[in-house]
Amino acid sequence: MNIERVMDNYGDYLLRVAYIYVKNQSTAEDIVQDVFIRYYQRSEQFRQDSSLKTYLVKMTVNRSHDYLRSWTHKRMLVKEKIKGINTRKTPEWHVIEQETSETVLTALLSMKLIYREVLVLYYYEESSTIDIADILNCPEATIRTRLQRARSQLKVRLEEQEGFSHGFD
């Protein structure tokens, strides 16, 4: 499959995945661009043990984790706290809020990364627990436990927000 087709098929999807991790549109775009460049340079390394989508999602998740551990990210967080600048409320943020429920997105983004990522991979990306375990390099039982805890936490967070009715029960 040529790189343009891969970008057309998976670009928007990978951008949403990266955004859920890094909470910044331009950083998410940089991560996805990096994923496509790495895929293009090393496409022969793709062994087709899983689908191309799963492979690219795994690369995106790993690159997002790398960014969150980076000095650049930590320095930006400190700068935001010192100056009181909130760079996360970009115009892109508002577009994403319109695409999904503002209430659910806010609750989801406030969760710890280990719970947020399993919810995103399971519900937004419709990955199986087996695929998620492969993407995150941990046992499937751990994924099922995290998913159960994440659902409980999300339910509590949504119930705390005024006027939110849900269908979790």
C-alpha atoms as a PDB file:
ATOM      1  CA  MET A   1       0.000   0.000   0.000  1.00  0.00           C
ATOM      2  CA  ASN A   2       1.464   3.382  -0.926  1.00  0.00           C
ATOM      3  CA  ILE A   3       2.040   6.040   1.719  1.00  0.00           C
ATOM      4  CA  GLU A   4      -0.615   8.433   0.379  1.00  0.00           C
ATOM      5  CA  ARG A   5      -3.295   5.795   0.687  1.00  0.00           C
ATOM      6  CA  VAL A   6      -2.111   4.896   4.200  1.00  0.00           C
ATOM      7  CA  MET A   7      -2.260   8.588   5.182  1.00  0.00           C
ATOM      8  CA  ASP A   8      -5.734   9.013   3.685  1.00  0.00           C
ATOM      9  CA  ASN A   9      -7.063   5.860   5.342  1.00  0.00           C
ATOM     10  CA  TYR A  10      -5.600   6.326   8.815  1.00  0.00           C
ATOM     11  CA  GLY A  11      -4.516   9.970   9.224  1.00  0.00           C
ATOM     12  CA  ASP A  12      -7.611  11.378  10.949  1.00  0.00           C
ATOM     13  CA  TYR A  13      -7.938   8.326  13.139  1.00  0.00           C
ATOM     14  CA  LEU A  14      -4.310   8.447  14.296  1.00  0.00           C
ATOM     15  CA  LEU A  15      -4.649  12.188  14.922  1.00  0.00           C
ATOM     16  CA  ARG A  16      -7.534  11.538  17.319  1.00  0.00           C
ATOM     17  CA  VAL A  17      -5.507   8.842  19.076  1.00  0.00           C
ATOM     18  CA  ALA A  18      -2.496  11.126  19.505  1.00  0.00           C
ATOM     19  CA  TYR A  19      -4.697  14.019  20.655  1.00  0.00           C
ATOM     20  CA  ILE A  20      -6.277  11.942  23.400  1.00  0.00           C
ATOM     21  CA  TYR A  21      -2.783  11.324  24.776  1.00  0.00           C
ATOM     22  CA  VAL A  22      -1.096  14.705  24.390  1.00  0.00           C
ATOM     23  CA  LYS A  23      -4.148  17.005  24.552  1.00  0.00           C
ATOM     24  CA  ASN A  24      -2.652  19.414  22.029  1.00  0.00           C
ATOM     25  CA  GLN A  25      -3.607  19.539  18.347  1.00  0.00           C
ATOM     26  CA  SER A  26      -0.285  20.696  16.889  1.00  0.00           C
ATOM     27  CA  THR A  27       1.693  18.182  18.970  1.00  0.00           C
ATOM     28  CA  ALA A  28      -0.697  15.415  17.896  1.00  0.00           C
ATOM     29  CA  GLU A  29      -0.182  16.434  14.255  1.00  0.00           C
ATOM     30  CA  ASP A  30       3.605  16.298  14.729  1.00  0.00           C
ATOM     31  CA  ILE A  31       3.349  12.833  16.268  1.00  0.00           C
ATOM     32  CA  VAL A  32       1.199  11.503  13.423  1.00  0.00           C
ATOM     33  CA  GLN A  33       3.541  13.022  10.850  1.00  0.00           C
ATOM     34  CA  ASP A  34       6.458  11.323  12.590  1.00  0.00           C
ATOM     35  CA  VAL A  35       4.585   8.000  12.597  1.00  0.00           C
ATOM     36  CA  PHE A  36       3.977   8.226   8.851  1.00  0.00           C
ATOM     37  CA  ILE A  37       7.606   9.144   8.164  1.00  0.00           C
ATOM     38  CA  ARG A  38       8.815   6.201  10.242  1.00  0.00           C
ATOM     39  CA  TYR A  39       6.358   3.865   8.554  1.00  0.00           C
ATOM     40  CA  TYR A  40       7.478   5.070   5.115  1.00  0.00           C
ATOM     41  CA  GLN A  41      11.153   4.618   5.982  1.00  0.00           C
ATOM     42  CA  ARG A  42      10.640   1.195   7.549  1.00  0.00           C
ATOM     43  CA  SER A  43       7.559  -0.220   5.832  1.00  0.00           C
ATOM     44  CA  GLU A  44       9.468  -3.420   5.041  1.00  0.00           C
ATOM     45  CA  GLN A  45       9.667  -4.088   8.812  1.00  0.00           C
ATOM     46  CA  PHE A  46       5.871  -4.433   9.006  1.00  0.00           C
ATOM     47  CA  ARG A  47       5.498  -8.203   9.330  1.00  0.00           C
ATOM     48  CA  GLN A  48       1.708  -8.256   9.077  1.00  0.00           C
ATOM     49  CA  ASP A  49       1.355 -10.048  12.429  1.00  0.00           C
ATOM     50  CA  SER A  50      -1.552  -7.672  12.983  1.00  0.00           C
ATOM     51  CA  SER A  51      -3.501  -5.279  10.810  1.00  0.00           C
ATOM     52  CA  LEU A  52      -1.802  -2.166   9.461  1.00  0.00           C
ATOM     53  CA  LYS A  53      -4.206  -0.073  11.526  1.00  0.00           C
ATOM     54  CA  THR A  54      -3.134  -1.819  14.738  1.00  0.00           C
ATOM     55  CA  TYR A  55       0.520  -1.419  13.784  1.00  0.00           C
ATOM     56  CA  LEU A  56       0.116   2.322  13.134  1.00  0.00           C
ATOM     57  CA  VAL A  57      -1.908   2.820  16.323  1.00  0.00           C
ATOM     58  CA  LYS A  58       0.814   1.072  18.304  1.00  0.00           C
ATOM     59  CA  MET A  59       3.413   3.369  16.735  1.00  0.00           C
ATOM     60  CA  THR A  60       1.236   6.403  17.565  1.00  0.00           C
ATOM     61  CA  VAL A  61       0.723   5.298  21.161  1.00  0.00           C
ATOM     62  CA  ASN A  62       4.448   4.657  21.616  1.00  0.00           C
ATOM     63  CA  ARG A  63       5.378   8.020  20.079  1.00  0.00           C
ATOM     64  CA  SER A  64       2.776   9.752  22.294  1.00  0.00           C
ATOM     65  CA  HIS A  65       4.256   8.087  25.371  1.00  0.00           C
ATOM     66  CA  ASP A  66       7.720   9.213  24.255  1.00  0.00           C
ATOM     67  CA  TYR A  67       6.478  12.780  23.979  1.00  0.00           C
ATOM     68  CA  LEU A  68       4.801  12.699  27.406  1.00  0.00           C
ATOM     69  CA  ARG A  69       8.091  11.538  28.946  1.00  0.00           C
ATOM     70  CA  SER A  70      10.112  14.157  27.070  1.00  0.00           C
ATOM     71  CA  TRP A  71      11.718  17.231  28.539  1.00  0.00           C
ATOM     72  CA  THR A  72       9.881  19.387  25.982  1.00  0.00           C
ATOM     73  CA  HIS A  73       6.507  18.343  27.352  1.00  0.00           C
ATOM     74  CA  LYS A  74       7.544  18.782  30.981  1.00  0.00           C
ATOM     75  CA  ARG A  75       9.018  22.215  30.258  1.00  0.00           C
ATOM     76  CA  MET A  76       5.796  23.275  28.528  1.00  0.00           C
ATOM     77  CA  LEU A  77       3.713  22.192  31.533  1.00  0.00           C
ATOM     78  CA  VAL A  78       5.910  24.192  33.907  1.00  0.00           C
ATOM     79  CA  LYS A  79       5.722  27.235  31.619  1.00  0.00           C
ATOM     80  CA  GLU A  80       1.912  26.986  31.516  1.00  0.00           C
ATOM     81  CA  LYS A  81       1.702  26.872  35.311  1.00  0.00           C
ATOM     82  CA  ILE A  82       4.092  29.781  35.789  1.00  0.00           C
ATOM     83  CA  LYS A  83       2.508  32.055  33.192  1.00  0.00           C
ATOM     84  CA  GLY A  84      -1.041  30.798  33.625  1.00  0.00           C
ATOM     85  CA  ILE A  85      -1.279  30.165  29.897  1.00  0.00           C
ATOM     86  CA  ASN A  86      -3.685  27.469  28.829  1.00  0.00           C
ATOM     87  CA  THR A  87      -2.573  26.372  25.368  1.00  0.00           C
ATOM     88  CA  ARG A  88      -5.056  23.504  25.249  1.00  0.00           C
ATOM     89  CA  LYS A  89      -8.081  25.652  24.391  1.00  0.00           C
ATOM     90  CA  THR A  90      -7.204  26.072  20.726  1.00  0.00           C
ATOM     91  CA  PRO A  91      -9.745  26.356  17.921  1.00  0.00           C
ATOM     92  CA  GLU A  92      -9.028  22.697  17.179  1.00  0.00           C
ATOM     93  CA  TRP A  93     -10.047  21.875  20.746  1.00  0.00           C
ATOM     94  CA  HIS A  94     -13.465  23.340  20.057  1.00  0.00           C
ATOM     95  CA  VAL A  95     -13.820  21.327  16.845  1.00  0.00           C
ATOM     96  CA  ILE A  96     -13.032  18.110  18.699  1.00  0.00           C
ATOM     97  CA  GLU A  97     -15.503  19.040  21.423  1.00  0.00           C
ATOM     98  CA  GLN A  98     -18.195  19.439  18.772  1.00  0.00           C
ATOM     99  CA  GLU A  99     -17.402  16.042  17.248  1.00  0.00           C
ATOM    100  CA  THR A 100     -17.756  14.279  20.568  1.00  0.00           C
ATOM    101  CA  SER A 101     -19.731  14.944  23.685  1.00  0.00           C
ATOM    102  CA  GLU A 102     -18.094  17.801  25.590  1.00  0.00           C
ATOM    103  CA  THR A 103     -19.005  16.245  28.897  1.00  0.00           C
ATOM    104  CA  VAL A 104     -17.583  12.820  28.101  1.00  0.00           C
ATOM    105  CA  LEU A 105     -14.413  14.250  26.592  1.00  0.00           C
ATOM    106  CA  THR A 106     -13.780  16.437  29.638  1.00  0.00           C
ATOM    107  CA  ALA A 107     -14.269  13.503  31.982  1.00  0.00           C
ATOM    108  CA  LEU A 108     -12.090  11.275  29.820  1.00  0.00           C
ATOM    109  CA  LEU A 109      -9.227  13.765  29.616  1.00  0.00           C
ATOM    110  CA  SER A 110      -9.222  14.207  33.378  1.00  0.00           C
ATOM    111  CA  MET A 111      -8.518  10.508  33.914  1.00  0.00           C
ATOM    112  CA  LYS A 112      -5.092   8.961  34.413  1.00  0.00           C
ATOM    113  CA  LEU A 113      -3.380   7.934  31.191  1.00  0.00           C
ATOM    114  CA  ILE A 114      -3.527   4.176  31.866  1.00  0.00           C
ATOM    115  CA  TYR A 115      -7.326   4.354  32.124  1.00  0.00           C
ATOM    116  CA  ARG A 116      -7.838   6.935  29.402  1.00  0.00           C
ATOM    117  CA  GLU A 117      -5.847   4.933  26.861  1.00  0.00           C
ATOM    118  CA  VAL A 118      -7.793   1.678  27.351  1.00  0.00           C
ATOM    119  CA  LEU A 119     -11.113   3.508  27.019  1.00  0.00           C
ATOM    120  CA  VAL A 120      -9.963   5.268  23.871  1.00  0.00           C
ATOM    121  CA  LEU A 121      -8.535   2.133  22.319  1.00  0.00           C
ATOM    122  CA  TYR A 122     -11.583   0.042  23.232  1.00  0.00           C
ATOM    123  CA  TYR A 123     -14.465   2.439  22.511  1.00  0.00           C
ATOM    124  CA  TYR A 124     -13.158   5.026  20.062  1.00  0.00           C
ATOM    125  CA  GLU A 125     -10.877   2.739  18.088  1.00  0.00           C
ATOM    126  CA  GLU A 126     -12.993  -0.363  18.631  1.00  0.00           C
ATOM    127  CA  SER A 127      -9.923  -2.466  19.364  1.00  0.00           C
ATOM    128  CA  SER A 128     -10.332  -5.798  21.107  1.00  0.00           C
ATOM    129  CA  THR A 129      -8.737  -6.389  24.502  1.00  0.00           C
ATOM    130  CA  ILE A 130      -6.271  -8.698  22.764  1.00  0.00           C
ATOM    131  CA  ASP A 131      -5.236  -5.926  20.347  1.00  0.00           C
ATOM    132  CA  ILE A 132      -4.982  -3.413  23.181  1.00  0.00           C
ATOM    133  CA  ALA A 133      -2.772  -5.805  25.142  1.00  0.00           C
ATOM    134  CA  ASP A 134      -0.530  -6.080  22.080  1.00  0.00           C
ATOM    135  CA  ILE A 135      -0.426  -2.303  21.566  1.00  0.00           C
ATOM    136  CA  LEU A 136       0.401  -1.582  25.217  1.00  0.00           C
ATOM    137  CA  ASN A 137       2.653  -4.617  25.738  1.00  0.00           C
ATOM    138  CA  CYS A 138       0.853  -5.972  28.784  1.00  0.00           C
ATOM    139  CA  PRO A 139      -1.301  -9.018  29.604  1.00  0.00           C
ATOM    140  CA  GLU A 140      -4.885  -9.095  28.403  1.00  0.00           C
ATOM    141  CA  ALA A 141      -6.099  -9.635  31.979  1.00  0.00           C
ATOM    142  CA  THR A 142      -4.461  -6.327  32.931  1.00  0.00           C
ATOM    143  CA  ILE A 143      -6.300  -4.618  30.087  1.00  0.00           C
ATOM    144  CA  ARG A 144      -9.634  -6.061  31.205  1.00  0.00           C
ATOM    145  CA  THR A 145      -8.982  -4.884  34.784  1.00  0.00           C
ATOM    146  CA  ARG A 146      -7.976  -1.392  33.621  1.00  0.00           C
ATOM    147  CA  LEU A 147     -11.025  -1.233  31.379  1.00  0.00           C
ATOM    148  CA  GLN A 148     -13.335  -2.172  34.256  1.00  0.00           C
ATOM    149  CA  ARG A 149     -11.736   0.415  36.559  1.00  0.00           C
ATOM    150  CA  ALA A 150     -11.780   3.047  33.831  1.00  0.00           C
ATOM    151  CA  ARG A 151     -15.494   2.532  33.230  1.00  0.00           C
ATOM    152  CA  SER A 152     -16.187   2.895  36.944  1.00  0.00           C
ATOM    153  CA  GLN A 153     -14.116   6.065  37.194  1.00  0.00           C
ATOM    154  CA  LEU A 154     -15.721   7.545  34.099  1.00  0.00           C
ATOM    155  CA  LYS A 155     -19.184   6.772  35.437  1.00  0.00           C
ATOM    156  CA  VAL A 156     -18.405   8.535  38.726  1.00  0.00           C
ATOM    157  CA  ARG A 157     -16.952  11.555  36.931  1.00  0.00           C
ATOM    158  CA  LEU A 158     -19.963  11.833  34.661  1.00  0.00           C
ATOM    159  CA  GLU A 159     -22.384  11.522  37.572  1.00  0.00           C
ATOM    160  CA  GLU A 160     -20.554  14.351  39.347  1.00  0.00           C
ATOM    161  CA  GLN A 161     -21.221  16.697  36.440  1.00  0.00           C
ATOM    162  CA  GLU A 162     -24.587  18.392  36.756  1.00  0.00           C
ATOM    163  CA  GLY A 163     -27.421  17.262  34.568  1.00  0.00           C
ATOM    164  CA  PHE A 164     -25.556  14.489  32.816  1.00  0.00           C
ATOM    165  CA  SER A 165     -27.659  11.422  32.150  1.00  0.00           C
ATOM    166  CA  HIS A 166     -25.869   8.310  31.034  1.00  0.00           C
ATOM    167  CA  GLY A 167     -26.554   4.777  29.896  1.00  0.00           C
ATOM    168  CA  PHE A 168     -23.933   2.865  31.817  1.00  0.00           C
ATOM    169  CA  ASP A 169     -26.313   0.896  34.032  1.00  0.00           C
END
